[in-house]
Protein backbone atom coordinates (compact mmCIF):
# COMPACT_ATOMS: atom_id res chain seq x y z
CA MET A 1 -35.16 -46.12 -121.35
CA GLU A 2 -36.00 -43.13 -123.94
CA ARG A 3 -39.62 -42.58 -124.96
CA ASP A 4 -40.65 -41.47 -128.12
CA ASP A 5 -43.65 -39.19 -127.51
CA PRO A 6 -45.59 -37.86 -130.46
CA ILE A 7 -44.79 -34.29 -131.31
CA CYS A 8 -47.71 -31.63 -131.60
CA PRO A 9 -47.48 -30.55 -135.19
CA LEU A 10 -48.81 -27.08 -134.08
CA CYS A 11 -46.49 -25.91 -131.50
CA GLY A 12 -43.55 -28.50 -131.92
CA ARG A 13 -43.44 -29.68 -128.39
CA PRO A 14 -43.63 -33.41 -127.23
CA ILE A 15 -47.03 -34.83 -126.20
CA PRO A 16 -46.17 -36.89 -123.12
CA PRO A 17 -48.82 -39.50 -122.27
CA GLU A 18 -49.90 -37.71 -119.17
CA ALA A 19 -50.57 -34.33 -121.00
CA ARG A 20 -54.05 -33.34 -122.00
CA GLN A 21 -54.41 -34.17 -125.74
CA SER A 22 -57.01 -34.48 -128.52
CA LEU A 23 -57.51 -35.26 -132.04
CA HIS A 24 -58.14 -32.45 -134.52
CA HIS A 25 -59.92 -33.05 -137.82
CA LEU A 26 -58.11 -30.74 -140.31
CA VAL A 27 -61.39 -30.21 -142.11
CA PRO A 28 -64.25 -30.01 -139.25
CA LYS A 29 -66.56 -33.17 -139.42
CA LEU A 30 -69.69 -30.90 -139.85
CA ARG A 31 -67.96 -29.35 -142.93
CA GLY A 32 -67.20 -32.43 -144.84
CA GLY A 33 -64.15 -33.68 -142.94
CA LYS A 34 -65.72 -36.91 -141.28
CA GLY A 35 -63.32 -39.64 -142.25
CA GLY A 36 -60.56 -37.06 -143.20
CA PRO A 37 -57.37 -36.39 -141.92
CA VAL A 38 -56.63 -35.88 -138.12
CA VAL A 39 -53.66 -34.74 -136.17
CA ARG A 40 -52.78 -35.18 -132.52
CA LEU A 41 -52.51 -31.89 -130.57
CA HIS A 42 -51.97 -30.90 -127.11
CA GLN A 43 -55.61 -29.89 -125.70
CA ILE A 44 -54.40 -26.16 -125.24
CA CYS A 45 -53.34 -26.10 -128.88
CA HIS A 46 -56.57 -27.60 -129.90
CA ASP A 47 -58.59 -25.15 -127.73
CA GLU A 48 -56.82 -22.18 -129.28
CA ILE A 49 -57.57 -23.20 -132.76
CA HIS A 50 -61.34 -23.49 -132.00
CA ALA A 51 -61.41 -20.19 -129.83
CA THR A 52 -60.03 -18.55 -132.89
CA LEU A 53 -61.64 -19.96 -135.95
CA THR A 54 -64.96 -20.83 -136.98
CA GLU A 55 -65.69 -24.19 -138.54
CA THR A 56 -66.25 -22.57 -141.87
CA GLU A 57 -62.96 -20.74 -141.63
CA LEU A 58 -61.30 -23.96 -140.65
CA ALA A 59 -62.81 -25.75 -143.95
CA ARG A 60 -62.35 -22.96 -146.22
CA ASP A 61 -58.90 -21.50 -145.26
CA TYR A 62 -57.27 -23.45 -142.39
CA ALA A 63 -57.12 -27.06 -143.33
CA SER A 64 -53.40 -27.69 -142.76
CA ILE A 65 -51.26 -27.32 -140.15
CA GLU A 66 -49.07 -24.89 -142.32
CA ALA A 67 -52.26 -22.49 -142.71
CA LEU A 68 -53.09 -22.67 -139.09
CA ARG A 69 -49.59 -21.54 -138.03
CA GLY A 70 -49.77 -18.63 -140.56
CA HIS A 71 -52.79 -17.23 -138.78
CA PRO A 72 -51.68 -14.12 -136.86
CA ARG A 73 -53.34 -15.00 -133.48
CA ILE A 74 -52.36 -18.68 -133.49
CA ALA A 75 -48.76 -17.54 -134.51
CA ARG A 76 -48.65 -15.68 -131.40
CA PHE A 77 -50.07 -18.35 -129.50
CA VAL A 78 -47.55 -20.93 -130.74
CA ALA A 79 -44.59 -18.56 -130.07
CA TRP A 80 -45.84 -18.33 -126.43
CA VAL A 81 -46.93 -21.99 -125.71
CA ALA A 82 -43.57 -23.21 -127.30
CA LYS A 83 -41.90 -21.97 -124.25
CA ARG A 84 -43.95 -23.86 -121.91
CA PRO A 85 -43.17 -27.46 -120.67
CA PRO A 86 -44.60 -30.25 -122.77
CA GLY A 87 -47.22 -31.12 -120.33
CA PHE A 88 -48.43 -27.47 -119.67
CA HIS A 89 -52.16 -26.75 -119.61
CA SER A 90 -54.02 -23.59 -118.92
CA ARG A 91 -57.80 -23.58 -117.76
CA GLY A 92 -58.38 -20.90 -120.42
CA VAL A 93 -56.70 -19.88 -123.66
CA GLY A 94 -58.48 -16.42 -123.85
CA PRO A 95 -61.68 -15.11 -125.13
CA ARG A 96 -63.28 -16.56 -127.95
CA ARG A 97 -63.22 -14.47 -131.05
CA ARG A 98 -66.52 -12.44 -131.74
CA ARG A 99 -68.38 -13.83 -134.71
């Protein structure tokens, strides 16, 4: 029986039920995104977004998957994580960007 796992829109890998996952508000809730569009991501992908960008940057410049994938650090992360198995998770995604 073939299962149709959702696809992570950031990295393009399937999200199997056993994988750590979460919902990402494209516009942060604290920046007006409450009730707005959300996407299901691998937890490691979600962690990288929030380690890289502030909520203000997310709301202002990165409120779409296309914009997120265009960010240089996130693009490098996506290229790296796309080579990992769908259920892959790492304890840390690297240092948080200095503010």
